[in-house]
Every structure is written in C-alpha cells, then in structure tokens.
Amino acid sequence: MILFGNPALGTTFIAANPSSGLDWPVRVLVYQTKDGSANVAHNDFDWIARRHGISNRETEFKMAIEVIESVTSSVRQ
C-alpha cells in the first residue's frame, strides 16, 4: 500500500466535504498477480466525487486523475 498526497489538492476536496478525508491521501495498492506480473489498484475518482457528493471540483479531480495515471503508468504497461 502506497499513500500519495498533495496537501493543496487534497484540502480542496476536504473543504468541499470533510468526509472526503476518508479517501485522501490517495491509497494505491501494488500487488503481484498469479502470473507474476505487477498491477496497481486505487479508487476511481469519479466514484470518490459521487461518494462524497462533490460536484464543484471538476478541475481538481481531473488534476488528481492525471497525477495518479502518471504515477501508476509504468506499472500498467
């Protein structure tokens, strides 16, 4: 389990709805599959937005998606 945080970005979500602190910082699970390859999993950001009823942070969620995709892209090749 790896935690990724950006205090400025995470704070915008927590300010929108304090319960979103349950999902920040972002947790990424890195695991090995039965065939020996590595994989990653994390909660979908659209799901996080719906879970916490955050509808006014589209730009920030887009940024979070771009960051997590960049961080995990080398494992998902």
Protein backbone atom coordinates (compact mmCIF):
# COMPACT_ATOMS: atom_id res chain seq x y z
CA MET A 1 0.00 0.00 0.00
CA ILE A 2 1.41 3.36 -1.04
CA LEU A 3 -0.07 6.70 0.02
CA PHE A 4 0.08 9.68 -2.32
CA GLY A 5 -0.78 13.12 -1.08
CA ASN A 6 -0.77 16.66 -2.30
CA PRO A 7 -1.86 18.82 0.63
CA ALA A 8 -3.07 21.72 -1.51
CA LEU A 9 -5.11 19.47 -3.78
CA GLY A 10 -6.44 17.21 -1.04
CA THR A 11 -7.52 20.19 1.01
CA THR A 12 -9.81 21.38 -1.79
CA PHE A 13 -11.74 18.11 -1.61
CA ILE A 14 -11.87 18.09 2.18
CA ALA A 15 -13.08 21.71 2.14
CA ALA A 16 -15.87 20.69 -0.26
CA ASN A 17 -16.93 17.87 2.07
CA PRO A 18 -14.99 16.93 5.21
CA SER A 19 -15.99 13.25 4.89
CA SER A 20 -13.85 13.06 1.76
CA GLY A 21 -10.90 12.95 4.14
CA LEU A 22 -11.67 9.23 4.26
CA ASP A 23 -10.27 8.98 0.72
CA TRP A 24 -7.34 11.44 0.98
CA PRO A 25 -4.47 10.91 0.72
CA VAL A 26 -4.95 8.55 -2.18
CA ARG A 27 -4.08 4.93 -1.48
CA VAL A 28 -2.61 2.80 -4.25
CA LEU A 29 -2.34 -0.94 -3.81
CA VAL A 30 0.56 -2.53 -5.68
CA TYR A 31 0.26 -6.29 -5.97
CA GLN A 32 1.57 -9.27 -7.88
CA THR A 33 -0.85 -11.34 -9.97
CA LYS A 34 -0.75 -15.14 -10.21
CA ASP A 35 1.25 -14.94 -13.43
CA GLY A 36 3.92 -12.89 -11.64
CA SER A 37 3.18 -9.51 -13.18
CA ALA A 38 2.72 -6.37 -11.12
CA ASN A 39 -0.55 -4.47 -11.00
CA VAL A 40 -1.98 -1.44 -9.23
CA ALA A 41 -5.42 -0.58 -7.94
CA HIS A 42 -6.96 2.56 -6.49
CA ASN A 43 -10.41 4.01 -6.01
CA ASP A 44 -11.93 5.68 -9.04
CA PHE A 45 -12.03 9.46 -8.59
CA ASP A 46 -15.50 9.77 -10.13
CA TRP A 47 -16.69 7.30 -7.50
CA ILE A 48 -14.98 9.35 -4.77
CA ALA A 49 -16.75 12.51 -6.02
CA ARG A 50 -20.13 10.74 -6.03
CA ARG A 51 -19.48 9.08 -2.67
CA HIS A 52 -18.95 12.45 -1.02
CA GLY A 53 -21.37 14.47 -3.15
CA ILE A 54 -18.64 16.72 -4.53
CA SER A 55 -19.80 18.27 -7.78
CA ASN A 56 -17.89 21.55 -7.81
CA ARG A 57 -14.28 20.35 -8.08
CA GLU A 58 -14.09 19.04 -11.66
CA THR A 59 -10.75 20.73 -12.40
CA GLU A 60 -9.20 19.39 -9.22
CA PHE A 61 -10.47 15.85 -9.83
CA LYS A 62 -9.09 16.00 -13.37
CA MET A 63 -5.72 17.00 -11.93
CA ALA A 64 -5.86 14.13 -9.41
CA ILE A 65 -6.65 11.67 -12.21
CA GLU A 66 -3.71 12.93 -14.27
CA VAL A 67 -1.34 12.63 -11.31
CA ILE A 68 -2.37 9.08 -10.37
CA GLU A 69 -2.25 7.95 -14.01
CA SER A 70 1.25 9.38 -14.33
CA VAL A 71 2.41 7.73 -11.12
CA THR A 72 0.98 4.31 -11.99
CA SER A 73 1.57 4.27 -15.76
CA SER A 74 4.88 2.43 -15.59
CA VAL A 75 3.25 -0.49 -13.77
CA ARG A 76 0.28 -0.68 -16.17
CA GLN A 77 2.29 -1.19 -19.36
